Full PDB file with SEQRES, HELIX, SHEET, SSBOND, CRYST1, ORIGX, SCALE, CONECT and MASTER records, all heavy atoms in Angstrom:
SEQRES   1 A   38  GLU LEU SER LEU ASP TYR SER PRO ALA PRO ALA THR THR          
SEQRES   2 A   38  THR TYR GLN THR GLU CYS ARG TYR ASP TYR PRO ASP GLY          
SEQRES   3 A   38  ARG SER PHE SER VAL THR SER THR GLY ASP VAL GLN              
SHEET    1 AA1 2 THR A  13  ASP A  22  0                                        
SHEET    2 AA1 2 SER A  28  VAL A  37 -1                                        
CRYST1    1.000    1.000    1.000  90.00  90.00  90.00 P 1           1          
ORIGX1      1.000000  0.000000  0.000000        0.00000                         
ORIGX2      0.000000  1.000000  0.000000        0.00000                         
ORIGX3      0.000000  0.000000  1.000000        0.00000                         
SCALE1      1.000000  0.000000  0.000000        0.00000                         
SCALE2      0.000000  1.000000  0.000000        0.00000                         
SCALE3      0.000000  0.000000  1.000000        0.00000                         
ATOM      1  N   GLU A   1      -4.883  -5.991   5.144  1.00  0.00           N  
ATOM      2  CA  GLU A   1      -4.776  -6.359   6.559  1.00  0.00           C  
ATOM      3  C   GLU A   1      -3.480  -7.133   6.759  1.00  0.00           C  
ATOM      4  O   GLU A   1      -3.266  -8.166   6.142  1.00  0.00           O  
ATOM      5  CB  GLU A   1      -5.960  -7.218   6.979  1.00  0.00           C  
ATOM      6  CG  GLU A   1      -5.891  -7.670   8.443  1.00  0.00           C  
ATOM      7  CD  GLU A   1      -6.960  -8.707   8.753  1.00  0.00           C  
ATOM      8  OE1 GLU A   1      -8.109  -8.305   9.008  1.00  0.00           O  
ATOM      9  OE2 GLU A   1      -6.633  -9.922   8.701  1.00  0.00           O  
ATOM     10  N   LEU A   2      -2.621  -6.608   7.613  1.00  0.00           N  
ATOM     11  CA  LEU A   2      -1.387  -7.284   7.990  1.00  0.00           C  
ATOM     12  C   LEU A   2      -1.621  -8.045   9.289  1.00  0.00           C  
ATOM     13  O   LEU A   2      -2.148  -7.487  10.256  1.00  0.00           O  
ATOM     14  CB  LEU A   2      -0.259  -6.278   8.205  1.00  0.00           C  
ATOM     15  CG  LEU A   2       0.330  -5.592   6.974  1.00  0.00           C  
ATOM     16  CD1 LEU A   2       1.180  -4.410   7.398  1.00  0.00           C  
ATOM     17  CD2 LEU A   2       1.172  -6.577   6.171  1.00  0.00           C  
ATOM     18  N   SER A   3      -1.225  -9.321   9.311  1.00  0.00           N  
ATOM     19  CA  SER A   3      -1.280 -10.108  10.536  1.00  0.00           C  
ATOM     20  C   SER A   3       0.130 -10.163  11.106  1.00  0.00           C  
ATOM     21  O   SER A   3       1.078 -10.560  10.406  1.00  0.00           O  
ATOM     22  CB  SER A   3      -1.786 -11.522  10.239  1.00  0.00           C  
ATOM     23  OG  SER A   3      -1.755 -12.320  11.404  1.00  0.00           O  
ATOM     24  N   LEU A   4       0.290  -9.764  12.358  1.00  0.00           N  
ATOM     25  CA  LEU A   4       1.604  -9.644  12.983  1.00  0.00           C  
ATOM     26  C   LEU A   4       1.742 -10.590  14.170  1.00  0.00           C  
ATOM     27  O   LEU A   4       0.816 -10.771  14.947  1.00  0.00           O  
ATOM     28  CB  LEU A   4       1.837  -8.207  13.451  1.00  0.00           C  
ATOM     29  CG  LEU A   4       1.833  -7.140  12.349  1.00  0.00           C  
ATOM     30  CD1 LEU A   4       1.736  -5.757  12.956  1.00  0.00           C  
ATOM     31  CD2 LEU A   4       3.090  -7.263  11.499  1.00  0.00           C  
ATOM     32  N   ASP A   5       2.924 -11.165  14.285  1.00  0.00           N  
ATOM     33  CA  ASP A   5       3.238 -12.075  15.384  1.00  0.00           C  
ATOM     34  C   ASP A   5       4.494 -11.552  16.071  1.00  0.00           C  
ATOM     35  O   ASP A   5       5.461 -11.154  15.398  1.00  0.00           O  
ATOM     36  CB  ASP A   5       3.477 -13.481  14.812  1.00  0.00           C  
ATOM     37  CG  ASP A   5       3.682 -14.510  15.911  1.00  0.00           C  
ATOM     38  OD1 ASP A   5       3.249 -14.275  17.041  1.00  0.00           O  
ATOM     39  OD2 ASP A   5       4.301 -15.565  15.631  1.00  0.00           O  
ATOM     40  N   TYR A   6       4.517 -11.530  17.409  1.00  0.00           N  
ATOM     41  CA  TYR A   6       5.677 -11.024  18.143  1.00  0.00           C  
ATOM     42  C   TYR A   6       5.657 -11.572  19.567  1.00  0.00           C  
ATOM     43  O   TYR A   6       4.651 -12.115  20.040  1.00  0.00           O  
ATOM     44  CB  TYR A   6       5.679  -9.488  18.181  1.00  0.00           C  
ATOM     45  CG  TYR A   6       4.309  -8.865  18.372  1.00  0.00           C  
ATOM     46  CD1 TYR A   6       3.776  -8.658  19.635  1.00  0.00           C  
ATOM     47  CD2 TYR A   6       3.548  -8.483  17.266  1.00  0.00           C  
ATOM     48  CE1 TYR A   6       2.529  -8.102  19.812  1.00  0.00           C  
ATOM     49  CE2 TYR A   6       2.295  -7.918  17.426  1.00  0.00           C  
ATOM     50  CZ  TYR A   6       1.775  -7.728  18.700  1.00  0.00           C  
ATOM     51  OH  TYR A   6       0.532  -7.176  18.859  1.00  0.00           O  
ATOM     52  N   SER A   7       6.777 -11.446  20.239  1.00  0.00           N  
ATOM     53  CA  SER A   7       6.843 -11.855  21.641  1.00  0.00           C  
ATOM     54  C   SER A   7       5.997 -10.895  22.473  1.00  0.00           C  
ATOM     55  O   SER A   7       5.773  -9.747  22.069  1.00  0.00           O  
ATOM     56  CB  SER A   7       8.293 -11.841  22.131  1.00  0.00           C  
ATOM     57  OG  SER A   7       9.072 -12.769  21.402  1.00  0.00           O  
ATOM     58  N   PRO A   8       5.499 -11.339  23.632  1.00  0.00           N  
ATOM     59  CA  PRO A   8       4.661 -10.454  24.452  1.00  0.00           C  
ATOM     60  C   PRO A   8       5.286  -9.081  24.637  1.00  0.00           C  
ATOM     61  O   PRO A   8       6.443  -8.956  25.057  1.00  0.00           O  
ATOM     62  CB  PRO A   8       4.558 -11.217  25.776  1.00  0.00           C  
ATOM     63  CG  PRO A   8       4.657 -12.656  25.366  1.00  0.00           C  
ATOM     64  CD  PRO A   8       5.671 -12.669  24.250  1.00  0.00           C  
ATOM     65  N   ALA A   9       4.525  -8.044  24.293  1.00  0.00           N  
ATOM     66  CA  ALA A   9       5.048  -6.678  24.336  1.00  0.00           C  
ATOM     67  C   ALA A   9       5.285  -6.236  25.784  1.00  0.00           C  
ATOM     68  O   ALA A   9       4.393  -6.352  26.623  1.00  0.00           O  
ATOM     69  CB  ALA A   9       4.071  -5.736  23.654  1.00  0.00           C  
ATOM     70  N   PRO A  10       6.484  -5.713  26.083  1.00  0.00           N  
ATOM     71  CA  PRO A  10       6.783  -5.275  27.450  1.00  0.00           C  
ATOM     72  C   PRO A  10       6.087  -3.968  27.812  1.00  0.00           C  
ATOM     73  O   PRO A  10       5.945  -3.641  28.999  1.00  0.00           O  
ATOM     74  CB  PRO A  10       8.300  -5.102  27.439  1.00  0.00           C  
ATOM     75  CG  PRO A  10       8.626  -4.813  26.005  1.00  0.00           C  
ATOM     76  CD  PRO A  10       7.647  -5.602  25.194  1.00  0.00           C  
ATOM     77  N   ALA A  11       5.659  -3.206  26.782  1.00  0.00           N  
ATOM     78  CA  ALA A  11       5.007  -1.924  27.038  1.00  0.00           C  
ATOM     79  C   ALA A  11       4.157  -1.551  25.830  1.00  0.00           C  
ATOM     80  O   ALA A  11       4.325  -2.099  24.745  1.00  0.00           O  
ATOM     81  CB  ALA A  11       6.047  -0.836  27.311  1.00  0.00           C  
ATOM     82  N   THR A  12       3.244  -0.612  26.023  1.00  0.00           N  
ATOM     83  CA  THR A  12       2.425  -0.128  24.918  1.00  0.00           C  
ATOM     84  C   THR A  12       3.320   0.561  23.886  1.00  0.00           C  
ATOM     85  O   THR A  12       4.161   1.389  24.250  1.00  0.00           O  
ATOM     86  CB  THR A  12       1.359   0.852  25.427  1.00  0.00           C  
ATOM     87  OG1 THR A  12       0.519   0.174  26.350  1.00  0.00           O  
ATOM     88  CG2 THR A  12       0.523   1.396  24.283  1.00  0.00           C  
ATOM     89  N   THR A  13       3.148   0.211  22.622  1.00  0.00           N  
ATOM     90  CA  THR A  13       4.035   0.696  21.564  1.00  0.00           C  
ATOM     91  C   THR A  13       3.236   1.088  20.329  1.00  0.00           C  
ATOM     92  O   THR A  13       2.234   0.446  20.012  1.00  0.00           O  
ATOM     93  CB  THR A  13       5.062  -0.383  21.168  1.00  0.00           C  
ATOM     94  OG1 THR A  13       5.735  -0.844  22.346  1.00  0.00           O  
ATOM     95  CG2 THR A  13       6.079   0.154  20.184  1.00  0.00           C  
ATOM     96  N   THR A  14       3.680   2.127  19.638  1.00  0.00           N  
ATOM     97  CA  THR A  14       3.071   2.573  18.390  1.00  0.00           C  
ATOM     98  C   THR A  14       4.070   2.408  17.256  1.00  0.00           C  
ATOM     99  O   THR A  14       5.272   2.627  17.434  1.00  0.00           O  
ATOM    100  CB  THR A  14       2.642   4.052  18.493  1.00  0.00           C  
ATOM    101  OG1 THR A  14       1.675   4.186  19.535  1.00  0.00           O  
ATOM    102  CG2 THR A  14       2.026   4.535  17.180  1.00  0.00           C  
ATOM    103  N   TYR A  15       3.592   2.016  16.087  1.00  0.00           N  
ATOM    104  CA  TYR A  15       4.462   1.846  14.924  1.00  0.00           C  
ATOM    105  C   TYR A  15       3.718   2.297  13.677  1.00  0.00           C  
ATOM    106  O   TYR A  15       2.487   2.465  13.690  1.00  0.00           O  
ATOM    107  CB  TYR A  15       4.910   0.392  14.778  1.00  0.00           C  
ATOM    108  CG  TYR A  15       3.774  -0.572  14.519  1.00  0.00           C  
ATOM    109  CD1 TYR A  15       3.405  -0.916  13.221  1.00  0.00           C  
ATOM    110  CD2 TYR A  15       3.044  -1.131  15.575  1.00  0.00           C  
ATOM    111  CE1 TYR A  15       2.345  -1.784  12.974  1.00  0.00           C  
ATOM    112  CE2 TYR A  15       1.987  -1.996  15.338  1.00  0.00           C  
ATOM    113  CZ  TYR A  15       1.642  -2.319  14.041  1.00  0.00           C  
ATOM    114  OH  TYR A  15       0.598  -3.171  13.792  1.00  0.00           O  
ATOM    115  N   GLN A  16       4.443   2.502  12.582  1.00  0.00           N  
ATOM    116  CA  GLN A  16       3.839   2.931  11.324  1.00  0.00           C  
ATOM    117  C   GLN A  16       4.300   2.064  10.161  1.00  0.00           C  
ATOM    118  O   GLN A  16       5.433   1.555  10.149  1.00  0.00           O  
ATOM    119  CB  GLN A  16       4.197   4.385  11.018  1.00  0.00           C  
ATOM    120  CG  GLN A  16       3.437   5.414  11.823  1.00  0.00           C  
ATOM    121  CD  GLN A  16       3.650   6.821  11.302  1.00  0.00           C  
ATOM    122  OE1 GLN A  16       4.671   7.132  10.699  1.00  0.00           O  
ATOM    123  NE2 GLN A  16       2.669   7.691  11.539  1.00  0.00           N  
ATOM    124  N   THR A  17       3.416   1.891   9.194  1.00  0.00           N  
ATOM    125  CA  THR A  17       3.779   1.255   7.927  1.00  0.00           C  
ATOM    126  C   THR A  17       3.267   2.134   6.794  1.00  0.00           C  
ATOM    127  O   THR A  17       2.258   2.841   6.944  1.00  0.00           O  
ATOM    128  CB  THR A  17       3.164  -0.151   7.770  1.00  0.00           C  
ATOM    129  OG1 THR A  17       1.738  -0.048   7.732  1.00  0.00           O  
ATOM    130  CG2 THR A  17       3.586  -1.060   8.908  1.00  0.00           C  
ATOM    131  N   GLU A  18       3.962   2.071   5.670  1.00  0.00           N  
ATOM    132  CA  GLU A  18       3.524   2.789   4.470  1.00  0.00           C  
ATOM    133  C   GLU A  18       3.263   1.772   3.372  1.00  0.00           C  
ATOM    134  O   GLU A  18       4.149   0.973   3.044  1.00  0.00           O  
ATOM    135  CB  GLU A  18       4.561   3.809   4.008  1.00  0.00           C  
ATOM    136  CG  GLU A  18       4.083   4.605   2.792  1.00  0.00           C  
ATOM    137  CD  GLU A  18       5.083   5.650   2.331  1.00  0.00           C  
ATOM    138  OE1 GLU A  18       5.047   6.774   2.873  1.00  0.00           O  
ATOM    139  OE2 GLU A  18       5.901   5.337   1.456  1.00  0.00           O  
ATOM    140  N   CYS A  19       2.062   1.781   2.819  1.00  0.00           N  
ATOM    141  CA  CYS A  19       1.685   0.833   1.778  1.00  0.00           C  
ATOM    142  C   CYS A  19       1.332   1.582   0.495  1.00  0.00           C  
ATOM    143  O   CYS A  19       0.617   2.577   0.532  1.00  0.00           O  
ATOM    144  CB  CYS A  19       0.511  -0.033   2.224  1.00  0.00           C  
ATOM    145  SG  CYS A  19       0.892  -1.048   3.675  1.00  0.00           S  
ATOM    146  N   ARG A  20       1.841   1.088  -0.610  1.00  0.00           N  
ATOM    147  CA  ARG A  20       1.622   1.730  -1.902  1.00  0.00           C  
ATOM    148  C   ARG A  20       0.720   0.868  -2.781  1.00  0.00           C  
ATOM    149  O   ARG A  20       0.983  -0.324  -2.965  1.00  0.00           O  
ATOM    150  CB  ARG A  20       2.951   1.967  -2.620  1.00  0.00           C  
ATOM    151  CG  ARG A  20       2.842   2.825  -3.895  1.00  0.00           C  
ATOM    152  CD  ARG A  20       4.164   2.878  -4.627  1.00  0.00           C  
ATOM    153  NE  ARG A  20       4.467   1.589  -5.238  1.00  0.00           N  
ATOM    154  CZ  ARG A  20       5.705   1.105  -5.381  1.00  0.00           C  
ATOM    155  NH1 ARG A  20       6.743   1.792  -4.936  1.00  0.00           N  
ATOM    156  NH2 ARG A  20       5.910  -0.070  -5.956  1.00  0.00           N  
ATOM    157  N   TYR A  21      -0.319   1.467  -3.324  1.00  0.00           N  
ATOM    158  CA  TYR A  21      -1.223   0.809  -4.264  1.00  0.00           C  
ATOM    159  C   TYR A  21      -0.767   1.158  -5.679  1.00  0.00           C  
ATOM    160  O   TYR A  21      -0.795   2.334  -6.075  1.00  0.00           O  
ATOM    161  CB  TYR A  21      -2.653   1.299  -4.069  1.00  0.00           C  
ATOM    162  CG  TYR A  21      -3.385   0.707  -2.895  1.00  0.00           C  
ATOM    163  CD1 TYR A  21      -2.945   0.901  -1.587  1.00  0.00           C  
ATOM    164  CD2 TYR A  21      -4.553  -0.032  -3.078  1.00  0.00           C  
ATOM    165  CE1 TYR A  21      -3.630   0.369  -0.506  1.00  0.00           C  
ATOM    166  CE2 TYR A  21      -5.251  -0.576  -2.000  1.00  0.00           C  
ATOM    167  CZ  TYR A  21      -4.777  -0.366  -0.720  1.00  0.00           C  
ATOM    168  OH  TYR A  21      -5.458  -0.894   0.352  1.00  0.00           O  
ATOM    169  N   ASP A  22      -0.332   0.164  -6.438  1.00  0.00           N  
ATOM    170  CA  ASP A  22       0.042   0.362  -7.831  1.00  0.00           C  
ATOM    171  C   ASP A  22      -1.135  -0.037  -8.719  1.00  0.00           C  
ATOM    172  O   ASP A  22      -1.548  -1.205  -8.739  1.00  0.00           O  
ATOM    173  CB  ASP A  22       1.282  -0.465  -8.188  1.00  0.00           C  
ATOM    174  CG  ASP A  22       2.525   0.052  -7.499  1.00  0.00           C  
ATOM    175  OD1 ASP A  22       2.627   1.277  -7.302  1.00  0.00           O  
ATOM    176  OD2 ASP A  22       3.408  -0.762  -7.153  1.00  0.00           O  
ATOM    177  N   TYR A  23      -1.682   0.925  -9.441  1.00  0.00           N  
ATOM    178  CA  TYR A  23      -2.857   0.722 -10.282  1.00  0.00           C  
ATOM    179  C   TYR A  23      -2.498   0.075 -11.623  1.00  0.00           C  
ATOM    180  O   TYR A  23      -1.338   0.185 -12.081  1.00  0.00           O  
ATOM    181  CB  TYR A  23      -3.525   2.063 -10.569  1.00  0.00           C  
ATOM    182  CG  TYR A  23      -4.490   2.532  -9.503  1.00  0.00           C  
ATOM    183  CD1 TYR A  23      -4.123   2.570  -8.160  1.00  0.00           C  
ATOM    184  CD2 TYR A  23      -5.766   2.956  -9.848  1.00  0.00           C  
ATOM    185  CE1 TYR A  23      -5.012   3.018  -7.192  1.00  0.00           C  
ATOM    186  CE2 TYR A  23      -6.662   3.405  -8.885  1.00  0.00           C  
ATOM    187  CZ  TYR A  23      -6.278   3.429  -7.566  1.00  0.00           C  
ATOM    188  OH  TYR A  23      -7.159   3.865  -6.614  1.00  0.00           O  
ATOM    189  N   PRO A  24      -3.465  -0.553 -12.271  1.00  0.00           N  
ATOM    190  CA  PRO A  24      -3.190  -1.150 -13.594  1.00  0.00           C  
ATOM    191  C   PRO A  24      -2.886  -0.116 -14.672  1.00  0.00           C  
ATOM    192  O   PRO A  24      -2.294  -0.450 -15.703  1.00  0.00           O  
ATOM    193  CB  PRO A  24      -4.481  -1.923 -13.902  1.00  0.00           C  
ATOM    194  CG  PRO A  24      -5.530  -1.312 -13.039  1.00  0.00           C  
ATOM    195  CD  PRO A  24      -4.834  -0.860 -11.806  1.00  0.00           C  
ATOM    196  N   ASP A  25      -3.281   1.142 -14.442  1.00  0.00           N  
ATOM    197  CA  ASP A  25      -3.021   2.187 -15.443  1.00  0.00           C  
ATOM    198  C   ASP A  25      -1.728   2.954 -15.179  1.00  0.00           C  
ATOM    199  O   ASP A  25      -1.452   3.970 -15.808  1.00  0.00           O  
ATOM    200  CB  ASP A  25      -4.204   3.152 -15.531  1.00  0.00           C  
ATOM    201  CG  ASP A  25      -4.511   3.829 -14.184  1.00  0.00           C  
ATOM    202  OD1 ASP A  25      -3.675   3.733 -13.255  1.00  0.00           O  
ATOM    203  OD2 ASP A  25      -5.590   4.450 -14.062  1.00  0.00           O  
ATOM    204  N   GLY A  26      -0.913   2.485 -14.223  1.00  0.00           N  
ATOM    205  CA  GLY A  26       0.381   3.103 -13.974  1.00  0.00           C  
ATOM    206  C   GLY A  26       0.408   4.081 -12.818  1.00  0.00           C  
ATOM    207  O   GLY A  26       1.487   4.508 -12.379  1.00  0.00           O  
ATOM    208  N   ARG A  27      -0.745   4.470 -12.312  1.00  0.00           N  
ATOM    209  CA  ARG A  27      -0.771   5.386 -11.173  1.00  0.00           C  
ATOM    210  C   ARG A  27      -0.420   4.659  -9.875  1.00  0.00           C  
ATOM    211  O   ARG A  27      -0.565   3.433  -9.789  1.00  0.00           O  
ATOM    212  CB  ARG A  27      -2.159   6.016 -11.034  1.00  0.00           C  
ATOM    213  CG  ARG A  27      -2.529   6.978 -12.147  1.00  0.00           C  
ATOM    214  CD  ARG A  27      -3.919   7.561 -11.899  1.00  0.00           C  
ATOM    215  NE  ARG A  27      -4.952   6.527 -11.987  1.00  0.00           N  
ATOM    216  CZ  ARG A  27      -6.176   6.663 -11.474  1.00  0.00           C  
ATOM    217  NH1 ARG A  27      -6.514   7.757 -10.816  1.00  0.00           N  
ATOM    218  NH2 ARG A  27      -7.065   5.687 -11.612  1.00  0.00           N  
ATOM    219  N   SER A  28       0.022   5.411  -8.866  1.00  0.00           N  
ATOM    220  CA  SER A  28       0.340   4.850  -7.561  1.00  0.00           C  
ATOM    221  C   SER A  28      -0.152   5.795  -6.468  1.00  0.00           C  
ATOM    222  O   SER A  28      -0.088   7.022  -6.624  1.00  0.00           O  
ATOM    223  CB  SER A  28       1.843   4.624  -7.391  1.00  0.00           C  
ATOM    224  OG  SER A  28       2.318   3.645  -8.282  1.00  0.00           O  
ATOM    225  N   PHE A  29      -0.647   5.216  -5.374  1.00  0.00           N  
ATOM    226  CA  PHE A  29      -1.090   5.994  -4.225  1.00  0.00           C  
ATOM    227  C   PHE A  29      -0.556   5.328  -2.955  1.00  0.00           C  
ATOM    228  O   PHE A  29      -0.587   4.106  -2.831  1.00  0.00           O  
ATOM    229  CB  PHE A  29      -2.614   6.073  -4.166  1.00  0.00           C  
ATOM    230  CG  PHE A  29      -3.233   6.775  -5.343  1.00  0.00           C  
ATOM    231  CD1 PHE A  29      -3.649   6.059  -6.454  1.00  0.00           C  
ATOM    232  CD2 PHE A  29      -3.373   8.160  -5.344  1.00  0.00           C  
ATOM    233  CE1 PHE A  29      -4.211   6.708  -7.547  1.00  0.00           C  
ATOM    234  CE2 PHE A  29      -3.936   8.813  -6.439  1.00  0.00           C  
ATOM    235  CZ  PHE A  29      -4.352   8.088  -7.542  1.00  0.00           C  
ATOM    236  N   SER A  30      -0.064   6.144  -2.028  1.00  0.00           N  
ATOM    237  CA  SER A  30       0.495   5.607  -0.788  1.00  0.00           C  
ATOM    238  C   SER A  30      -0.403   5.929   0.400  1.00  0.00           C  
ATOM    239  O   SER A  30      -1.032   6.995   0.453  1.00  0.00           O  
ATOM    240  CB  SER A  30       1.898   6.174  -0.533  1.00  0.00           C  
ATOM    241  OG  SER A  30       2.807   5.702  -1.516  1.00  0.00           O  
ATOM    242  N   VAL A  31      -0.444   4.993   1.338  1.00  0.00           N  
ATOM    243  CA  VAL A  31      -1.259   5.136   2.542  1.00  0.00           C  
ATOM    244  C   VAL A  31      -0.390   4.818   3.753  1.00  0.00           C  
ATOM    245  O   VAL A  31       0.258   3.768   3.802  1.00  0.00           O  
ATOM    246  CB  VAL A  31      -2.463   4.174   2.523  1.00  0.00           C  
ATOM    247  CG1 VAL A  31      -3.261   4.305   3.807  1.00  0.00           C  
ATOM    248  CG2 VAL A  31      -3.343   4.426   1.313  1.00  0.00           C  
ATOM    249  N   THR A  32      -0.337   5.711   4.724  1.00  0.00           N  
ATOM    250  CA  THR A  32       0.392   5.470   5.963  1.00  0.00           C  
ATOM    251  C   THR A  32      -0.581   5.035   7.042  1.00  0.00           C  
ATOM    252  O   THR A  32      -1.611   5.686   7.263  1.00  0.00           O  
ATOM    253  CB  THR A  32       1.146   6.731   6.417  1.00  0.00           C  
ATOM    254  OG1 THR A  32       2.105   7.094   5.421  1.00  0.00           O  
ATOM    255  CG2 THR A  32       1.875   6.475   7.732  1.00  0.00           C  
ATOM    256  N   SER A  33      -0.285   3.919   7.695  1.00  0.00           N  
ATOM    257  CA  SER A  33      -1.154   3.391   8.746  1.00  0.00           C  
ATOM    258  C   SER A  33      -0.380   3.299  10.056  1.00  0.00           C  
ATOM    259  O   SER A  33       0.796   2.918  10.065  1.00  0.00           O  
ATOM    260  CB  SER A  33      -1.690   2.009   8.363  1.00  0.00           C  
ATOM    261  OG  SER A  33      -2.449   2.074   7.171  1.00  0.00           O  
ATOM    262  N   THR A  34      -1.040   3.628  11.141  1.00  0.00           N  
ATOM    263  CA  THR A  34      -0.432   3.580  12.466  1.00  0.00           C  
ATOM    264  C   THR A  34      -1.058   2.460  13.281  1.00  0.00           C  
ATOM    265  O   THR A  34      -2.287   2.336  13.337  1.00  0.00           O  
ATOM    266  CB  THR A  34      -0.624   4.915  13.208  1.00  0.00           C  
ATOM    267  OG1 THR A  34      -0.008   5.966  12.451  1.00  0.00           O  
ATOM    268  CG2 THR A  34       0.011   4.862  14.591  1.00  0.00           C  
ATOM    269  N   GLY A  35      -0.219   1.636  13.876  1.00  0.00           N  
ATOM    270  CA  GLY A  35      -0.700   0.539  14.696  1.00  0.00           C  
ATOM    271  C   GLY A  35      -0.318   0.725  16.151  1.00  0.00           C  
ATOM    272  O   GLY A  35       0.721   1.323  16.460  1.00  0.00           O  
ATOM    273  N   ASP A  36      -1.157   0.232  17.026  1.00  0.00           N  
ATOM    274  CA  ASP A  36      -0.897   0.291  18.464  1.00  0.00           C  
ATOM    275  C   ASP A  36      -0.869  -1.119  19.036  1.00  0.00           C  
ATOM    276  O   ASP A  36      -1.757  -1.930  18.749  1.00  0.00           O  
ATOM    277  CB  ASP A  36      -1.981   1.096  19.187  1.00  0.00           C  
ATOM    278  CG  ASP A  36      -1.951   2.568  18.814  1.00  0.00           C  
ATOM    279  OD1 ASP A  36      -0.869   3.175  18.902  1.00  0.00           O  
ATOM    280  OD2 ASP A  36      -3.005   3.088  18.414  1.00  0.00           O  
ATOM    281  N   VAL A  37       0.138  -1.401  19.828  1.00  0.00           N  
ATOM    282  CA  VAL A  37       0.270  -2.695  20.507  1.00  0.00           C  
ATOM    283  C   VAL A  37       0.223  -2.440  22.005  1.00  0.00           C  
ATOM    284  O   VAL A  37       0.961  -1.587  22.526  1.00  0.00           O  
ATOM    285  CB  VAL A  37       1.591  -3.381  20.113  1.00  0.00           C  
ATOM    286  CG1 VAL A  37       1.871  -4.572  21.017  1.00  0.00           C  
ATOM    287  CG2 VAL A  37       1.548  -3.821  18.655  1.00  0.00           C  
ATOM    288  N   GLN A  38      -0.634  -3.167  22.677  1.00  0.00           N  
ATOM    289  CA  GLN A  38      -0.763  -3.000  24.124  1.00  0.00           C  
ATOM    290  C   GLN A  38       0.175  -3.955  24.869  1.00  0.00           C  
ATOM    291  O   GLN A  38       0.552  -5.009  24.349  1.00  0.00           O  
ATOM    292  CB  GLN A  38      -2.207  -3.259  24.545  1.00  0.00           C  
ATOM    293  CG  GLN A  38      -3.222  -2.323  23.899  1.00  0.00           C  
ATOM    294  CD  GLN A  38      -2.977  -0.868  24.223  1.00  0.00           C  
ATOM    295  OE1 GLN A  38      -2.747  -0.529  25.388  1.00  0.00           O  
ATOM    296  NE2 GLN A  38      -3.012  -0.002  23.218  1.00  0.00           N  
TER     297      GLN A  38                                                      
MASTER        0    0    0    0    2    0    0    6  296    1    0    3          
END                                                                             
């Protein structure tokens, strides 16, 4: 969970982040998440 702080949004906006999980056995998996700000 990312907590985000910003100035009051002038309009509804969509953004994306990509997060990678690095496993203890050397494997990695990436997850793309889309956020909406009103």
